[in-house]
Amino acid sequence: MSSVQKIGFLLLAVISFFAYSEGEEPADCRRHTLIINVFDDHGLPVRGWSANDLKATYAGHPLKILGVSHTDRPRRVVILLDVSGSMGGPERPYRSDSNKWKIATAAVRSFVSSAPSGTEISLVTFSNGIENPLISGEQSILQWLDSNSNRLPKEFRGQTALYQAVLEGIKQLEPQQPGDAIYVVTDGSDNASHTGHSAVGHALAEAGVRLFAFLLTESHYATTEDARISEFSDVAFYSGGYQVGYWAIHPFPGLAREQYRYSDAAIAEIGEATRIVNAEISNFYLLTVEMPENVVKPKHWKLEAVDPHGKKRKDWTVTYPHELEPCGAR
């Protein structure tokens, strides 16, 4: 190739680049592949369904479902364990048998022990910020739980930077892979993060990471803390994740401090809850939909299970990322 030909080729390449940049995006930018789950009233995955059992809509208009497939690739999960001041529980005087902490660590232990073979699991603790380096692998996590099982309530310090911890979890999963998930064990009230729930929701959507939570709930009354917990629950739901929990009891009207019961029954409840979360994380499908236009900014859409007559099924629940990201955002 002569020098003149080379120059001409380069000019053509530059002109083509700018023409593409200023023109429309390619048609396949309208196609989005997302992770979804379909589960029954017991929180267990539904088997034997097809794309015909789903209805996708955007701005009130139906979306074309191009395909759905199950994947068996290994999963990666980062567990975020809350060790802030409130996690010590309401027990007074300080004792080494805080039921709240026992329940929290039992939830982590149950999740790790029952995770499907091949699942890559890591653990990070947090309060005002990240407390410990990443702990990887089932045995290392269980050893850490054993050595910290008798932590005194007074050893729990600091506020709860819950959303900062979720952002750290996303970072630990870089580069992201389909099926990546974050599992948070917390009492759910963020009071120390420098970012809000909306920004974290966008970050999860951009990364394609689902957020799951085991929530230790204490208050039965409408408070500012309840509103924060509700926001966090929404973030998990809209990411395509799922929330389970354990509720403190109020044995007497007007009791100032909630109580957590740690018993064989509690352990059984924890096991059932974490079994559901593990099932949701490990049994997911990849759904491809086609938008009527290219997405240039985050858009909300709707996906639901329907019967043969097109009516919404009340016995099935579909979890999915509720926000579609612009082409190339991920």
Protein backbone atom coordinates (compact mmCIF):
# COMPACT_ATOMS: atom_id res chain seq x y z
CA MET A 1 0.00 0.00 0.00
CA SER A 2 1.41 3.40 -1.03
CA SER A 3 1.73 6.37 1.33
CA VAL A 4 -1.15 8.13 -0.46
CA GLN A 5 -3.36 5.03 -0.08
CA LYS A 6 -2.52 4.78 3.63
CA ILE A 7 -3.43 8.42 4.21
CA GLY A 8 -6.70 7.95 2.32
CA PHE A 9 -7.54 4.86 4.39
CA LEU A 10 -6.90 6.73 7.64
CA LEU A 11 -9.05 9.68 6.54
CA LEU A 12 -11.88 7.29 5.65
CA ALA A 13 -11.61 5.62 9.07
CA VAL A 14 -11.72 8.98 10.88
CA ILE A 15 -14.71 10.17 8.84
CA SER A 16 -16.55 6.89 9.50
CA PHE A 17 -15.87 7.18 13.24
CA PHE A 18 -17.32 10.66 13.53
CA ALA A 19 -20.28 9.80 11.29
CA TYR A 20 -21.11 6.87 13.60
CA SER A 21 -20.62 8.95 16.75
CA GLU A 22 -23.00 11.65 15.55
CA GLY A 23 -25.57 9.25 14.12
CA GLU A 24 -27.98 6.81 15.73
CA GLU A 25 -26.87 3.95 17.93
CA PRO A 26 -27.03 0.48 16.36
CA ALA A 27 -30.42 -1.24 16.54
CA ASP A 28 -29.25 -3.92 18.99
CA CYS A 29 -28.76 -1.20 21.63
CA ARG A 30 -32.51 -1.55 22.09
CA ARG A 31 -31.96 -5.09 23.34
CA HIS A 32 -31.39 -5.63 27.05
CA THR A 33 -30.51 -8.89 28.78
CA LEU A 34 -31.35 -8.97 32.47
CA ILE A 35 -31.38 -11.43 35.36
CA ILE A 36 -34.81 -12.48 36.59
CA ASN A 37 -36.34 -14.97 39.04
CA VAL A 38 -39.81 -16.50 39.20
CA PHE A 39 -40.81 -17.95 42.56
CA ASP A 40 -43.94 -19.22 44.27
CA ASP A 41 -45.74 -18.28 47.49
CA HIS A 42 -43.13 -20.19 49.51
CA GLY A 43 -40.25 -18.25 48.01
CA LEU A 44 -39.05 -21.24 45.97
CA PRO A 45 -38.14 -21.09 42.26
CA VAL A 46 -40.88 -22.06 39.84
CA ARG A 47 -39.89 -24.76 37.35
CA GLY A 48 -41.12 -25.40 33.82
CA TRP A 49 -42.20 -21.89 32.83
CA SER A 50 -41.45 -20.15 29.51
CA ALA A 51 -41.40 -16.68 28.01
CA ASN A 52 -45.13 -17.08 27.28
CA ASP A 53 -45.75 -16.92 31.05
CA LEU A 54 -44.31 -13.40 31.25
CA LYS A 55 -45.52 -9.97 30.19
CA ALA A 56 -43.12 -7.05 29.78
CA THR A 57 -44.28 -3.45 29.40
CA TYR A 58 -42.65 -0.04 29.08
CA ALA A 59 -44.59 3.22 29.43
CA GLY A 60 -47.78 1.18 29.19
CA HIS A 61 -46.78 -0.50 25.92
CA PRO A 62 -45.85 -4.18 25.55
CA LEU A 63 -42.21 -5.10 25.05
CA LYS A 64 -41.05 -7.93 22.84
CA ILE A 65 -39.45 -10.78 24.80
CA LEU A 66 -36.76 -12.21 22.54
CA GLY A 67 -35.70 -15.11 24.71
CA VAL A 68 -35.12 -16.55 28.16
CA SER A 69 -32.52 -19.08 29.30
CA HIS A 70 -31.33 -20.63 32.54
CA THR A 71 -27.64 -20.46 33.42
CA ASP A 72 -25.59 -22.75 35.64
CA ARG A 73 -22.43 -20.66 35.87
CA PRO A 74 -20.86 -20.38 39.36
CA ARG A 75 -22.16 -17.50 41.47
CA ARG A 76 -20.17 -14.88 43.35
CA VAL A 77 -21.56 -13.40 46.55
CA VAL A 78 -20.14 -10.74 48.86
CA ILE A 79 -21.65 -10.89 52.36
CA LEU A 80 -21.79 -7.57 54.22
CA LEU A 81 -22.17 -8.06 57.98
CA ASP A 82 -23.20 -5.09 60.11
CA VAL A 83 -21.10 -4.65 63.29
CA SER A 84 -22.25 -1.12 64.17
CA GLY A 85 -23.35 -0.11 67.65
CA SER A 86 -26.97 -1.18 67.26
CA MET A 87 -26.01 -4.75 66.40
CA GLY A 88 -24.98 -5.41 70.00
CA GLY A 89 -28.65 -5.77 70.85
CA PRO A 90 -30.70 -4.33 73.70
CA GLU A 91 -29.30 -6.61 76.40
CA ARG A 92 -28.20 -4.81 79.56
CA PRO A 93 -25.91 -5.15 81.41
CA TYR A 94 -23.41 -6.14 78.77
CA ARG A 95 -23.26 -9.87 78.28
CA SER A 96 -21.42 -12.15 75.92
CA ASP A 97 -24.62 -13.79 74.70
CA SER A 98 -26.34 -11.03 72.71
CA ASN A 99 -29.22 -12.74 70.97
CA LYS A 100 -29.25 -10.17 68.19
CA TRP A 101 -25.63 -10.89 67.33
CA LYS A 102 -26.25 -14.64 67.60
CA ILE A 103 -29.06 -14.37 65.08
CA ALA A 104 -26.95 -12.24 62.72
CA THR A 105 -24.00 -14.64 62.76
CA ALA A 106 -26.35 -17.64 62.49
CA ALA A 107 -27.76 -16.08 59.31
CA VAL A 108 -24.26 -15.77 57.84
CA ARG A 109 -23.30 -19.27 58.93
CA SER A 110 -26.49 -20.77 57.49
CA PHE A 111 -26.04 -18.97 54.19
CA VAL A 112 -22.40 -20.03 53.80
CA SER A 113 -23.04 -23.63 54.82
CA SER A 114 -26.02 -24.09 52.49
CA ALA A 115 -24.67 -22.29 49.42
CA PRO A 116 -24.57 -24.48 46.28
CA SER A 117 -21.25 -26.05 45.40
CA GLY A 118 -19.01 -23.74 43.40
CA THR A 119 -20.38 -20.52 44.88
CA GLU A 120 -17.58 -18.04 45.54
CA ILE A 121 -18.33 -16.31 48.85
CA SER A 122 -16.53 -13.47 50.62
CA LEU A 123 -17.27 -11.61 53.86
CA VAL A 124 -16.80 -7.96 54.81
CA THR A 125 -17.88 -6.33 58.09
CA PHE A 126 -18.84 -2.68 58.33
CA SER A 127 -20.01 0.09 60.65
CA ASN A 128 -18.95 3.70 59.89
CA GLY A 129 -16.85 2.14 57.16
CA ILE A 130 -15.32 -1.19 56.22
CA GLU A 131 -14.05 -2.89 59.38
CA ASN A 132 -12.07 -5.91 58.17
CA PRO A 133 -10.26 -6.96 55.01
CA LEU A 134 -12.12 -9.23 52.64
CA ILE A 135 -12.40 -12.79 53.99
CA SER A 136 -12.77 -15.32 51.20
CA GLY A 137 -13.90 -18.94 51.21
CA GLU A 138 -16.30 -20.97 53.31
CA GLN A 139 -13.76 -22.27 55.84
CA SER A 140 -12.16 -18.86 56.45
CA ILE A 141 -15.57 -17.25 57.00
CA LEU A 142 -16.71 -19.99 59.41
CA GLN A 143 -13.44 -19.67 61.35
CA TRP A 144 -13.98 -15.91 61.64
CA LEU A 145 -17.54 -16.47 62.91
CA ASP A 146 -16.28 -18.96 65.51
CA SER A 147 -13.66 -16.53 66.80
CA ASN A 148 -16.15 -13.63 67.00
CA SER A 149 -19.21 -15.48 68.31
CA ASN A 150 -18.76 -14.18 71.89
CA ARG A 151 -18.25 -10.55 71.00
CA LEU A 152 -19.55 -8.29 73.79
CA PRO A 153 -22.29 -5.78 72.94
CA LYS A 154 -20.01 -2.94 74.11
CA GLU A 155 -17.57 -3.93 71.38
CA PHE A 156 -20.07 -2.85 68.73
CA ARG A 157 -19.34 0.77 67.93
CA GLY A 158 -20.12 3.40 65.38
CA GLN A 159 -22.99 4.26 63.11
CA THR A 160 -24.21 2.33 60.07
CA ALA A 161 -22.80 3.30 56.67
CA LEU A 162 -24.97 0.73 54.94
CA TYR A 163 -25.00 2.24 51.45
CA GLN A 164 -21.25 2.86 51.52
CA ALA A 165 -20.82 -0.82 52.34
CA VAL A 166 -23.00 -1.81 49.36
CA LEU A 167 -20.85 0.33 47.06
CA GLU A 168 -17.78 -1.43 48.48
CA GLY A 169 -19.45 -4.77 47.74
CA ILE A 170 -19.97 -3.73 44.11
CA LYS A 171 -16.32 -2.74 43.92
CA GLN A 172 -15.21 -6.11 45.30
CA LEU A 173 -17.09 -7.84 42.46
CA GLU A 174 -15.31 -5.95 39.66
CA PRO A 175 -15.28 -6.91 36.87
CA GLN A 176 -18.89 -7.96 37.31
CA GLN A 177 -20.28 -11.25 36.01
CA PRO A 178 -23.89 -12.35 35.45
CA GLY A 179 -25.28 -13.67 38.72
CA ASP A 180 -23.13 -11.55 41.04
CA ALA A 181 -24.91 -10.71 44.28
CA ILE A 182 -24.49 -8.88 47.57
CA TYR A 183 -26.04 -10.30 50.75
CA VAL A 184 -26.37 -7.86 53.65
CA VAL A 185 -27.05 -8.93 57.24
CA THR A 186 -28.11 -5.79 59.10
CA ASP A 187 -30.79 -4.06 61.13
CA GLY A 188 -31.29 -1.96 58.03
CA SER A 189 -31.06 1.69 59.08
CA ASP A 190 -28.38 3.76 57.33
CA ASN A 191 -27.30 6.82 59.29
CA ALA A 192 -23.71 7.41 58.19
CA SER A 193 -23.32 7.04 54.40
CA HIS A 194 -22.28 9.93 52.18
CA THR A 195 -24.55 8.69 49.41
CA GLY A 196 -28.27 7.99 49.24
CA HIS A 197 -30.44 5.05 48.28
CA SER A 198 -31.15 6.38 44.80
CA ALA A 199 -27.46 6.59 43.86
CA VAL A 200 -26.85 3.09 45.21
CA GLY A 201 -29.80 1.78 43.21
CA HIS A 202 -28.29 3.23 40.02
CA ALA A 203 -24.88 1.74 40.88
CA LEU A 204 -26.41 -1.73 41.32
CA ALA A 205 -28.30 -1.41 38.04
CA GLU A 206 -25.21 -0.27 36.12
CA ALA A 207 -23.16 -3.14 37.53
CA GLY A 208 -25.91 -5.73 37.08
CA VAL A 209 -25.51 -6.80 40.72
CA ARG A 210 -28.51 -7.96 42.77
CA LEU A 211 -28.89 -6.96 46.41
CA PHE A 212 -30.26 -9.44 48.97
CA ALA A 213 -30.79 -8.82 52.66
CA PHE A 214 -31.38 -10.54 55.98
CA LEU A 215 -32.98 -7.79 58.02
CA LEU A 216 -33.21 -7.79 61.81
CA THR A 217 -36.22 -5.60 62.41
CA GLU A 218 -36.98 -4.11 65.81
CA SER A 219 -39.50 -1.31 65.64
CA HIS A 220 -43.23 -1.90 65.09
CA TYR A 221 -43.94 1.82 64.93
CA ALA A 222 -43.70 4.49 62.26
CA THR A 223 -40.39 6.24 62.82
CA THR A 224 -37.65 7.91 60.79
CA GLU A 225 -35.68 4.69 61.18
CA ASP A 226 -38.58 2.72 59.66
CA ALA A 227 -38.51 5.04 56.64
CA ARG A 228 -34.80 4.37 56.16
CA ILE A 229 -35.37 0.63 56.39
CA SER A 230 -38.16 0.91 53.83
CA GLU A 231 -35.84 2.76 51.44
CA PHE A 232 -33.22 0.04 51.80
CA SER A 233 -35.84 -2.65 51.16
CA ASP A 234 -36.86 -0.84 47.98
CA VAL A 235 -33.23 -0.76 46.78
CA ALA A 236 -32.99 -4.54 47.20
CA PHE A 237 -36.33 -5.14 45.49
CA TYR A 238 -35.65 -2.88 42.51
CA SER A 239 -32.20 -4.43 41.97
CA GLY A 240 -33.88 -7.77 41.35
CA GLY A 241 -32.95 -9.08 44.78
CA TYR A 242 -34.94 -10.31 47.73
CA GLN A 243 -35.32 -9.64 51.45
CA VAL A 244 -35.89 -11.99 54.35
CA GLY A 245 -35.67 -11.23 58.04
CA TYR A 246 -36.15 -11.91 61.70
CA TRP A 247 -38.38 -9.74 63.84
CA ALA A 248 -37.86 -8.83 67.48
CA ILE A 249 -40.86 -9.37 69.74
CA HIS A 250 -42.69 -7.08 72.15
CA PRO A 251 -43.77 -9.37 74.99
CA PHE A 252 -45.54 -6.61 76.91
CA PRO A 253 -47.35 -3.46 75.76
CA GLY A 254 -45.16 -0.41 76.05
CA LEU A 255 -41.91 -2.38 76.43
CA ALA A 256 -39.05 0.06 75.96
CA ARG A 257 -36.58 -2.45 74.52
CA GLU A 258 -37.29 -5.10 71.95
CA GLN A 259 -36.27 -8.67 72.57
CA TYR A 260 -34.72 -11.25 70.29
CA ARG A 261 -35.24 -14.91 70.99
CA TYR A 262 -32.48 -17.33 70.06
CA SER A 263 -33.72 -20.91 70.17
CA ASP A 264 -34.07 -24.04 68.08
CA ALA A 265 -37.17 -22.49 66.52
CA ALA A 266 -35.21 -19.33 65.67
CA ILE A 267 -32.43 -21.38 64.08
CA ALA A 268 -35.03 -23.22 61.99
CA GLU A 269 -36.53 -19.90 60.83
CA ILE A 270 -33.09 -18.57 59.96
CA GLY A 271 -32.32 -21.72 57.99
CA GLU A 272 -35.56 -21.43 56.01
CA ALA A 273 -34.92 -17.76 55.25
CA THR A 274 -31.36 -18.30 54.03
CA ARG A 275 -32.46 -21.32 51.99
CA ILE A 276 -34.82 -19.02 50.09
CA VAL A 277 -32.06 -16.46 49.49
CA ASN A 278 -29.64 -19.11 48.26
CA ALA A 279 -32.31 -20.46 45.92
CA GLU A 280 -32.95 -16.99 44.52
CA ILE A 281 -29.25 -16.30 43.99
CA SER A 282 -28.40 -19.63 42.39
CA ASN A 283 -31.50 -20.23 40.23
CA PHE A 284 -31.83 -17.29 37.90
CA TYR A 285 -32.66 -16.77 34.24
CA LEU A 286 -31.38 -14.40 31.58
CA LEU A 287 -34.22 -12.56 29.88
CA THR A 288 -33.73 -10.52 26.70
CA VAL A 289 -36.25 -7.81 25.82
CA GLU A 290 -36.35 -5.31 22.97
CA MET A 291 -37.18 -1.68 23.68
CA PRO A 292 -39.05 0.46 21.14
CA GLU A 293 -36.18 2.96 21.27
CA ASN A 294 -32.60 3.20 22.42
CA VAL A 295 -32.28 3.91 26.15
CA VAL A 296 -30.28 7.12 26.62
CA LYS A 297 -30.99 7.50 30.34
CA PRO A 298 -32.15 5.06 33.05
CA LYS A 299 -35.70 3.88 32.39
CA HIS A 300 -38.19 1.93 34.48
CA TRP A 301 -40.12 -0.98 33.01
CA LYS A 302 -42.46 -3.69 34.29
CA LEU A 303 -42.34 -7.48 34.19
CA GLU A 304 -44.99 -9.79 35.60
CA ALA A 305 -46.12 -13.41 35.44
CA VAL A 306 -49.41 -14.01 33.61
CA ASP A 307 -51.80 -16.91 33.07
CA PRO A 308 -52.83 -18.23 29.61
CA HIS A 309 -55.46 -15.48 29.43
CA GLY A 310 -52.91 -12.72 30.03
CA LYS A 311 -54.07 -12.03 33.58
CA LYS A 312 -51.51 -11.40 36.30
CA ARG A 313 -50.75 -14.47 38.39
CA LYS A 314 -51.01 -13.87 42.12
CA ASP A 315 -49.30 -17.12 43.07
CA TRP A 316 -46.05 -16.27 41.25
CA THR A 317 -43.68 -13.40 41.96
CA VAL A 318 -41.13 -12.11 39.48
CA THR A 319 -37.99 -10.37 40.72
CA TYR A 320 -36.01 -8.38 38.18
CA PRO A 321 -33.95 -5.18 37.84
CA HIS A 322 -36.59 -2.48 37.53
CA GLU A 323 -34.26 -0.03 35.84
CA LEU A 324 -32.94 -0.35 32.30
CA GLU A 325 -29.54 1.26 31.82
CA PRO A 326 -28.37 3.19 28.72
CA CYS A 327 -26.55 1.22 26.08
CA GLY A 328 -22.91 0.86 27.06
CA ALA A 329 -23.47 1.93 30.68
CA ARG A 330 -22.43 -1.48 31.98
